[in-house]
Amino acid sequence: MVESNCSMVTQLAYELEVLRAKRANAKQRREETAKALAEANTRMEAIIKQRVTDSLDKAIAWEKKATKTKRDYGDIYKDLYSSKA
């Protein structure tokens, strides 16, 4: 009887340790997942900022070119038609 109780206590202690290990592993995985998600969000934010910056740079360059072209052609138009008047 004593051996049976001792065996049962040993078995329950082992099962308790297994459950504790599973809980610790689950907690560690949860922390790793949260960390990976935070890193992914940081990278995604950096990529979006870079793409927006690139897009704005292209738009500004195009606008400067369009303004310069418009100004140059406007000056040519003024020179052609204002000298005859």
N, C-alpha and C. Protein backbone atom coordinates (compact mmCIF):
# COMPACT_ATOMS: atom_id res chain seq x y z
N MET A 1 0.80 -1.19 0.00
CA MET A 1 0.00 0.00 0.00
C MET A 1 0.85 1.26 0.00
N VAL A 2 1.90 1.24 0.84
CA VAL A 2 2.79 2.39 0.93
C VAL A 2 3.52 2.58 -0.40
N GLU A 3 3.96 1.47 -0.97
CA GLU A 3 4.65 1.56 -2.26
C GLU A 3 3.72 2.08 -3.34
N SER A 4 2.48 1.69 -3.30
CA SER A 4 1.49 2.15 -4.27
C SER A 4 1.28 3.66 -4.13
N ASN A 5 1.17 4.13 -2.89
CA ASN A 5 1.00 5.57 -2.66
C ASN A 5 2.25 6.34 -3.09
N CYS A 6 3.40 5.77 -2.79
CA CYS A 6 4.66 6.41 -3.17
C CYS A 6 4.79 6.49 -4.68
N SER A 7 4.40 5.42 -5.35
CA SER A 7 4.44 5.39 -6.81
C SER A 7 3.48 6.42 -7.39
N MET A 8 2.29 6.53 -6.78
CA MET A 8 1.31 7.49 -7.28
C MET A 8 1.81 8.92 -7.07
N VAL A 9 2.44 9.19 -5.94
CA VAL A 9 2.99 10.52 -5.67
C VAL A 9 4.09 10.84 -6.67
N THR A 10 4.93 9.88 -6.95
CA THR A 10 6.00 10.07 -7.93
C THR A 10 5.42 10.36 -9.31
N GLN A 11 4.41 9.60 -9.68
CA GLN A 11 3.76 9.80 -10.99
C GLN A 11 3.12 11.19 -11.06
N LEU A 12 2.43 11.60 -10.01
CA LEU A 12 1.79 12.92 -9.99
C LEU A 12 2.84 14.04 -10.01
N ALA A 13 3.94 13.84 -9.32
CA ALA A 13 5.01 14.84 -9.32
C ALA A 13 5.60 14.98 -10.73
N TYR A 14 5.77 13.84 -11.39
CA TYR A 14 6.28 13.87 -12.77
C TYR A 14 5.31 14.61 -13.69
N GLU A 15 4.01 14.29 -13.57
CA GLU A 15 3.01 14.96 -14.41
C GLU A 15 2.97 16.46 -14.13
N LEU A 16 3.15 16.83 -12.87
CA LEU A 16 3.18 18.25 -12.50
C LEU A 16 4.37 18.94 -13.16
N GLU A 17 5.51 18.30 -13.15
CA GLU A 17 6.70 18.88 -13.79
C GLU A 17 6.50 19.02 -15.30
N VAL A 18 5.86 18.02 -15.91
CA VAL A 18 5.58 18.08 -17.35
C VAL A 18 4.66 19.26 -17.65
N LEU A 19 3.62 19.43 -16.85
CA LEU A 19 2.70 20.55 -17.05
C LEU A 19 3.40 21.90 -16.86
N ARG A 20 4.26 21.98 -15.87
CA ARG A 20 5.02 23.23 -15.65
C ARG A 20 5.93 23.54 -16.85
N ALA A 21 6.56 22.50 -17.37
CA ALA A 21 7.43 22.70 -18.53
C ALA A 21 6.62 23.15 -19.75
N LYS A 22 5.45 22.55 -19.96
CA LYS A 22 4.59 22.96 -21.08
C LYS A 22 4.15 24.41 -20.92
N ARG A 23 3.80 24.77 -19.69
CA ARG A 23 3.37 26.15 -19.43
C ARG A 23 4.51 27.13 -19.70
N ALA A 24 5.70 26.77 -19.24
CA ALA A 24 6.87 27.63 -19.47
C ALA A 24 7.15 27.77 -20.96
N ASN A 25 7.04 26.66 -21.70
CA ASN A 25 7.27 26.71 -23.15
C ASN A 25 6.23 27.57 -23.84
N ALA A 26 4.98 27.45 -23.42
CA ALA A 26 3.91 28.25 -24.03
C ALA A 26 4.14 29.73 -23.75
N LYS A 27 4.55 30.04 -22.53
CA LYS A 27 4.82 31.44 -22.17
C LYS A 27 5.99 31.98 -22.99
N GLN A 28 7.04 31.17 -23.15
CA GLN A 28 8.20 31.59 -23.93
C GLN A 28 7.81 31.80 -25.40
N ARG A 29 7.02 30.90 -25.96
CA ARG A 29 6.57 31.06 -27.35
C ARG A 29 5.73 32.31 -27.52
N ARG A 30 4.87 32.59 -26.54
CA ARG A 30 4.03 33.79 -26.58
C ARG A 30 4.91 35.04 -26.59
N GLU A 31 5.94 35.06 -25.74
CA GLU A 31 6.85 36.20 -25.69
C GLU A 31 7.63 36.34 -27.00
N GLU A 32 8.08 35.21 -27.54
CA GLU A 32 8.81 35.26 -28.81
C GLU A 32 7.91 35.75 -29.94
N THR A 33 6.66 35.32 -29.93
CA THR A 33 5.71 35.76 -30.96
C THR A 33 5.45 37.25 -30.86
N ALA A 34 5.29 37.74 -29.64
CA ALA A 34 5.06 39.18 -29.45
C ALA A 34 6.27 39.98 -29.91
N LYS A 35 7.46 39.48 -29.62
CA LYS A 35 8.69 40.16 -30.03
C LYS A 35 8.81 40.16 -31.55
N ALA A 36 8.53 39.03 -32.18
CA ALA A 36 8.61 38.93 -33.64
C ALA A 36 7.59 39.85 -34.30
N LEU A 37 6.40 39.94 -33.73
CA LEU A 37 5.38 40.83 -34.26
C LEU A 37 5.81 42.29 -34.15
N ALA A 38 6.40 42.66 -33.03
CA ALA A 38 6.88 44.03 -32.86
C ALA A 38 7.98 44.35 -33.87
N GLU A 39 8.89 43.41 -34.09
CA GLU A 39 9.96 43.61 -35.06
C GLU A 39 9.39 43.74 -36.47
N ALA A 40 8.42 42.91 -36.81
CA ALA A 40 7.80 42.98 -38.14
C ALA A 40 7.09 44.31 -38.33
N ASN A 41 6.40 44.77 -37.31
CA ASN A 41 5.72 46.07 -37.40
C ASN A 41 6.73 47.20 -37.58
N THR A 42 7.84 47.13 -36.88
CA THR A 42 8.87 48.15 -37.01
C THR A 42 9.45 48.16 -38.43
N ARG A 43 9.74 46.97 -38.95
CA ARG A 43 10.27 46.88 -40.32
C ARG A 43 9.25 47.37 -41.33
N MET A 44 7.99 46.99 -41.15
CA MET A 44 6.94 47.41 -42.07
C MET A 44 6.79 48.94 -42.05
N GLU A 45 6.85 49.52 -40.88
CA GLU A 45 6.75 50.98 -40.76
C GLU A 45 7.91 51.66 -41.47
N ALA A 46 9.11 51.12 -41.32
CA ALA A 46 10.28 51.69 -41.98
C ALA A 46 10.16 51.58 -43.50
N ILE A 47 9.67 50.45 -43.99
CA ILE A 47 9.50 50.26 -45.43
C ILE A 47 8.46 51.24 -45.97
N ILE A 48 7.36 51.40 -45.25
CA ILE A 48 6.32 52.33 -45.70
C ILE A 48 6.85 53.75 -45.74
N LYS A 49 7.57 54.14 -44.69
CA LYS A 49 8.14 55.50 -44.66
C LYS A 49 9.10 55.70 -45.83
N GLN A 50 9.92 54.70 -46.13
CA GLN A 50 10.87 54.82 -47.23
C GLN A 50 10.15 54.95 -48.56
N ARG A 51 9.12 54.15 -48.76
CA ARG A 51 8.36 54.21 -50.02
C ARG A 51 7.65 55.55 -50.17
N VAL A 52 7.10 56.07 -49.09
CA VAL A 52 6.44 57.38 -49.14
C VAL A 52 7.46 58.45 -49.47
N THR A 53 8.62 58.39 -48.84
CA THR A 53 9.67 59.37 -49.11
C THR A 53 10.10 59.30 -50.57
N ASP A 54 10.31 58.09 -51.08
CA ASP A 54 10.69 57.94 -52.49
C ASP A 54 9.62 58.49 -53.41
N SER A 55 8.37 58.20 -53.11
CA SER A 55 7.27 58.68 -53.93
C SER A 55 7.20 60.20 -53.91
N LEU A 56 7.36 60.79 -52.74
CA LEU A 56 7.34 62.25 -52.63
C LEU A 56 8.52 62.87 -53.37
N ASP A 57 9.68 62.25 -53.26
CA ASP A 57 10.85 62.76 -53.98
C ASP A 57 10.61 62.74 -55.48
N LYS A 58 10.01 61.66 -55.99
CA LYS A 58 9.71 61.58 -57.42
C LYS A 58 8.70 62.65 -57.81
N ALA A 59 7.68 62.84 -56.99
CA ALA A 59 6.64 63.83 -57.29
C ALA A 59 7.22 65.24 -57.28
N ILE A 60 8.08 65.52 -56.32
CA ILE A 60 8.70 66.85 -56.25
C ILE A 60 9.61 67.08 -57.45
N ALA A 61 10.39 66.06 -57.81
CA ALA A 61 11.28 66.19 -58.96
C ALA A 61 10.46 66.43 -60.23
N TRP A 62 9.38 65.70 -60.40
CA TRP A 62 8.53 65.86 -61.58
C TRP A 62 7.90 67.25 -61.58
N GLU A 63 7.45 67.72 -60.42
CA GLU A 63 6.83 69.05 -60.33
C GLU A 63 7.85 70.14 -60.65
N LYS A 64 9.07 69.99 -60.15
CA LYS A 64 10.12 70.97 -60.46
C LYS A 64 10.39 71.00 -61.96
N LYS A 65 10.47 69.81 -62.56
CA LYS A 65 10.73 69.73 -64.00
C LYS A 65 9.58 70.36 -64.77
N ALA A 66 8.33 70.07 -64.37
CA ALA A 66 7.17 70.64 -65.06
C ALA A 66 7.15 72.15 -64.91
N THR A 67 7.46 72.64 -63.73
CA THR A 67 7.48 74.09 -63.49
C THR A 67 8.57 74.75 -64.33
N LYS A 68 9.74 74.13 -64.38
CA LYS A 68 10.85 74.69 -65.17
C LYS A 68 10.48 74.71 -66.65
N THR A 69 9.91 73.61 -67.13
CA THR A 69 9.51 73.54 -68.54
C THR A 69 8.45 74.60 -68.85
N LYS A 70 7.49 74.72 -67.98
CA LYS A 70 6.42 75.71 -68.17
C LYS A 70 7.01 77.13 -68.17
N ARG A 71 7.92 77.39 -67.27
CA ARG A 71 8.56 78.70 -67.18
C ARG A 71 9.39 78.97 -68.43
N ASP A 72 10.15 77.97 -68.87
CA ASP A 72 10.99 78.15 -70.06
C ASP A 72 10.14 78.41 -71.29
N TYR A 73 9.09 77.60 -71.48
CA TYR A 73 8.24 77.81 -72.64
C TYR A 73 7.46 79.11 -72.53
N GLY A 74 7.10 79.50 -71.33
CA GLY A 74 6.43 80.78 -71.13
C GLY A 74 7.33 81.93 -71.52
N ASP A 75 8.62 81.82 -71.15
CA ASP A 75 9.58 82.87 -71.51
C ASP A 75 9.77 82.92 -73.02
N ILE A 76 9.84 81.76 -73.66
CA ILE A 76 9.99 81.72 -75.12
C ILE A 76 8.77 82.35 -75.77
N TYR A 77 7.57 82.02 -75.27
CA TYR A 77 6.32 82.59 -75.81
C TYR A 77 6.32 84.10 -75.64
N LYS A 78 6.72 84.58 -74.46
CA LYS A 78 6.76 86.02 -74.22
C LYS A 78 7.77 86.69 -75.15
N ASP A 79 8.93 86.09 -75.31
CA ASP A 79 9.95 86.67 -76.18
C ASP A 79 9.47 86.74 -77.63
N LEU A 80 8.81 85.70 -78.09
CA LEU A 80 8.35 85.68 -79.48
C LEU A 80 7.28 86.72 -79.75
N TYR A 81 6.33 86.82 -78.88
CA TYR A 81 5.16 87.65 -79.16
C TYR A 81 5.22 89.04 -78.53
N SER A 82 6.06 89.25 -77.55
CA SER A 82 6.13 90.59 -76.96
C SER A 82 7.07 91.49 -77.76
N SER A 83 8.04 90.93 -78.47
CA SER A 83 8.96 91.75 -79.26
C SER A 83 8.28 92.29 -80.52
N LYS A 84 7.25 91.64 -81.02
CA LYS A 84 6.54 92.09 -82.22
C LYS A 84 5.52 93.17 -81.88
N ALA A 85 5.12 93.26 -80.64
CA ALA A 85 4.08 94.23 -80.29
C ALA A 85 4.58 95.63 -80.19
